[in-house]
């Protein structure tokens, strides 16, 4: 069951990073590029993904 947290955490972390970069207009070519909304949502999703990743990777 821990691997589910790791996989979902990695995916959320990567999505959050991409969304942040698109929101900051570092990655172009999307309707999300240059949008402040995605520059705020991205880091939130990335932090949630990091928490899930760490929770899944933590040993009991």
N, C-alpha and C. Protein backbone atom coordinates (compact mmCIF):
# COMPACT_ATOMS: atom_id res chain seq x y z
N UNK A 1 0.81 -1.20 0.00
CA UNK A 1 0.00 0.00 0.00
C UNK A 1 0.86 1.26 0.00
N UNK A 2 2.07 1.18 0.55
CA UNK A 2 2.93 2.36 0.60
C UNK A 2 3.35 2.81 -0.79
N UNK A 3 3.47 1.88 -1.72
CA UNK A 3 3.90 2.26 -3.07
C UNK A 3 2.87 3.15 -3.75
N UNK A 4 1.61 3.06 -3.36
CA UNK A 4 0.58 3.92 -3.94
C UNK A 4 0.86 5.38 -3.56
N UNK A 5 1.22 5.60 -2.29
CA UNK A 5 1.56 6.95 -1.85
C UNK A 5 2.79 7.48 -2.60
N UNK A 6 3.75 6.61 -2.83
CA UNK A 6 4.97 7.03 -3.54
C UNK A 6 4.64 7.41 -4.97
N UNK A 7 3.88 6.58 -5.66
CA UNK A 7 3.55 6.85 -7.07
C UNK A 7 2.70 8.11 -7.20
N UNK A 8 1.66 8.22 -6.39
CA UNK A 8 0.79 9.41 -6.45
C UNK A 8 1.58 10.65 -6.04
N UNK A 9 2.45 10.51 -5.06
CA UNK A 9 3.28 11.63 -4.62
C UNK A 9 4.21 12.13 -5.71
N UNK A 10 4.85 11.20 -6.40
CA UNK A 10 5.76 11.59 -7.49
C UNK A 10 5.00 12.28 -8.61
N UNK A 11 3.85 11.72 -8.97
CA UNK A 11 3.04 12.33 -10.05
C UNK A 11 2.56 13.72 -9.66
N UNK A 12 2.10 13.87 -8.43
CA UNK A 12 1.63 15.19 -7.98
C UNK A 12 2.79 16.18 -7.90
N UNK A 13 3.94 15.72 -7.44
CA UNK A 13 5.11 16.59 -7.36
C UNK A 13 5.52 17.08 -8.75
N UNK A 14 5.58 16.18 -9.70
CA UNK A 14 5.96 16.56 -11.06
C UNK A 14 4.92 17.49 -11.69
N UNK A 15 3.65 17.18 -11.50
CA UNK A 15 2.59 18.04 -12.04
C UNK A 15 2.66 19.43 -11.42
N UNK A 16 2.90 19.49 -10.13
CA UNK A 16 3.00 20.78 -9.45
C UNK A 16 4.17 21.61 -9.96
N UNK A 17 5.29 20.94 -10.21
CA UNK A 17 6.45 21.66 -10.74
C UNK A 17 6.16 22.20 -12.14
N UNK A 18 5.57 21.37 -12.97
CA UNK A 18 5.25 21.80 -14.34
C UNK A 18 4.25 22.94 -14.31
N UNK A 19 3.22 22.83 -13.48
CA UNK A 19 2.21 23.88 -13.39
C UNK A 19 2.81 25.19 -12.89
N UNK A 20 3.74 25.08 -11.93
CA UNK A 20 4.39 26.29 -11.43
C UNK A 20 5.20 26.96 -12.53
N UNK A 21 5.98 26.17 -13.25
CA UNK A 21 6.81 26.73 -14.33
C UNK A 21 5.95 27.33 -15.44
N UNK A 22 4.82 26.70 -15.73
CA UNK A 22 3.93 27.27 -16.74
C UNK A 22 3.27 28.55 -16.23
N UNK A 23 2.90 28.55 -14.98
CA UNK A 23 2.28 29.75 -14.41
C UNK A 23 3.24 30.93 -14.36
N UNK A 24 4.53 30.62 -14.17
CA UNK A 24 5.54 31.68 -14.16
C UNK A 24 6.04 32.02 -15.56
N UNK A 25 5.47 31.38 -16.56
CA UNK A 25 5.80 31.59 -17.98
C UNK A 25 7.22 31.17 -18.32
N UNK A 26 7.74 30.19 -17.59
CA UNK A 26 9.05 29.62 -17.93
C UNK A 26 8.86 28.56 -19.02
N UNK A 27 7.80 27.76 -18.89
CA UNK A 27 7.41 26.80 -19.93
C UNK A 27 6.24 27.40 -20.70
N UNK A 28 6.41 27.57 -21.96
CA UNK A 28 5.36 28.17 -22.77
C UNK A 28 4.57 27.13 -23.53
N UNK A 29 3.69 27.60 -24.36
CA UNK A 29 2.95 26.74 -25.26
C UNK A 29 1.67 26.17 -24.68
N UNK A 30 1.12 26.81 -23.67
CA UNK A 30 -0.08 26.30 -23.04
C UNK A 30 -0.97 27.48 -22.65
N UNK A 31 -2.24 27.19 -22.46
CA UNK A 31 -3.13 28.26 -22.00
C UNK A 31 -2.85 28.60 -20.53
N UNK A 32 -2.10 27.73 -19.85
CA UNK A 32 -1.73 27.98 -18.45
C UNK A 32 -0.50 28.88 -18.35
N UNK A 33 0.19 29.10 -19.44
CA UNK A 33 1.42 29.89 -19.42
C UNK A 33 1.13 31.34 -19.06
N UNK A 34 1.86 31.84 -18.08
CA UNK A 34 1.72 33.22 -17.67
C UNK A 34 0.51 33.49 -16.79
N UNK A 35 -0.16 32.44 -16.32
CA UNK A 35 -1.35 32.61 -15.49
C UNK A 35 -0.98 32.54 -14.01
N UNK A 36 -1.34 33.56 -13.28
CA UNK A 36 -1.04 33.62 -11.85
C UNK A 36 -1.71 32.48 -11.10
N UNK A 37 -2.87 32.06 -11.55
CA UNK A 37 -3.58 30.97 -10.89
C UNK A 37 -2.72 29.72 -10.82
N UNK A 38 -2.06 29.37 -11.91
CA UNK A 38 -1.25 28.16 -11.93
C UNK A 38 0.08 28.34 -11.21
N UNK A 39 0.52 29.58 -11.10
CA UNK A 39 1.73 29.86 -10.32
C UNK A 39 1.46 29.69 -8.83
N UNK A 40 0.19 29.73 -8.42
CA UNK A 40 -0.19 29.52 -7.03
C UNK A 40 -0.58 28.06 -6.78
N UNK A 41 -1.35 27.48 -7.69
CA UNK A 41 -1.81 26.11 -7.54
C UNK A 41 -0.65 25.12 -7.63
N UNK A 42 0.30 25.38 -8.51
CA UNK A 42 1.43 24.48 -8.72
C UNK A 42 2.23 24.16 -7.47
N UNK A 43 2.69 25.16 -6.72
CA UNK A 43 3.45 24.85 -5.51
C UNK A 43 2.62 24.12 -4.45
N UNK A 44 1.33 24.40 -4.39
CA UNK A 44 0.48 23.71 -3.42
C UNK A 44 0.41 22.23 -3.76
N UNK A 45 0.20 21.92 -5.03
CA UNK A 45 0.14 20.53 -5.47
C UNK A 45 1.50 19.86 -5.28
N UNK A 46 2.58 20.58 -5.53
CA UNK A 46 3.92 20.02 -5.36
C UNK A 46 4.19 19.68 -3.90
N UNK A 47 3.76 20.53 -2.98
CA UNK A 47 3.97 20.26 -1.55
C UNK A 47 3.13 19.05 -1.11
N UNK A 48 1.90 18.97 -1.57
CA UNK A 48 1.07 17.81 -1.25
C UNK A 48 1.71 16.54 -1.80
N UNK A 49 2.23 16.61 -3.02
CA UNK A 49 2.91 15.45 -3.59
C UNK A 49 4.14 15.06 -2.81
N UNK A 50 4.90 16.04 -2.34
CA UNK A 50 6.08 15.76 -1.54
C UNK A 50 5.71 15.10 -0.21
N UNK A 51 4.65 15.56 0.41
CA UNK A 51 4.18 14.95 1.66
C UNK A 51 3.77 13.50 1.43
N UNK A 52 3.02 13.25 0.36
CA UNK A 52 2.62 11.88 0.05
C UNK A 52 3.83 11.00 -0.25
N UNK A 53 4.77 11.55 -0.99
CA UNK A 53 5.98 10.80 -1.31
C UNK A 53 6.76 10.44 -0.05
N UNK A 54 6.94 11.39 0.83
CA UNK A 54 7.67 11.13 2.07
C UNK A 54 6.93 10.17 2.97
N UNK A 55 5.61 10.27 2.99
CA UNK A 55 4.81 9.35 3.81
C UNK A 55 4.92 7.93 3.28
N UNK A 56 4.91 7.78 1.97
CA UNK A 56 5.02 6.44 1.38
C UNK A 56 6.42 5.86 1.50
N UNK A 57 7.43 6.72 1.49
CA UNK A 57 8.81 6.25 1.53
C UNK A 57 9.31 6.02 2.95
N UNK A 58 8.59 6.54 3.92
CA UNK A 58 9.00 6.42 5.33
C UNK A 58 8.88 4.97 5.80
N UNK A 59 9.89 4.53 6.51
CA UNK A 59 9.87 3.18 7.06
C UNK A 59 9.10 3.17 8.37
N UNK A 60 8.48 2.07 8.65
CA UNK A 60 7.73 1.95 9.90
C UNK A 60 8.59 1.43 10.99
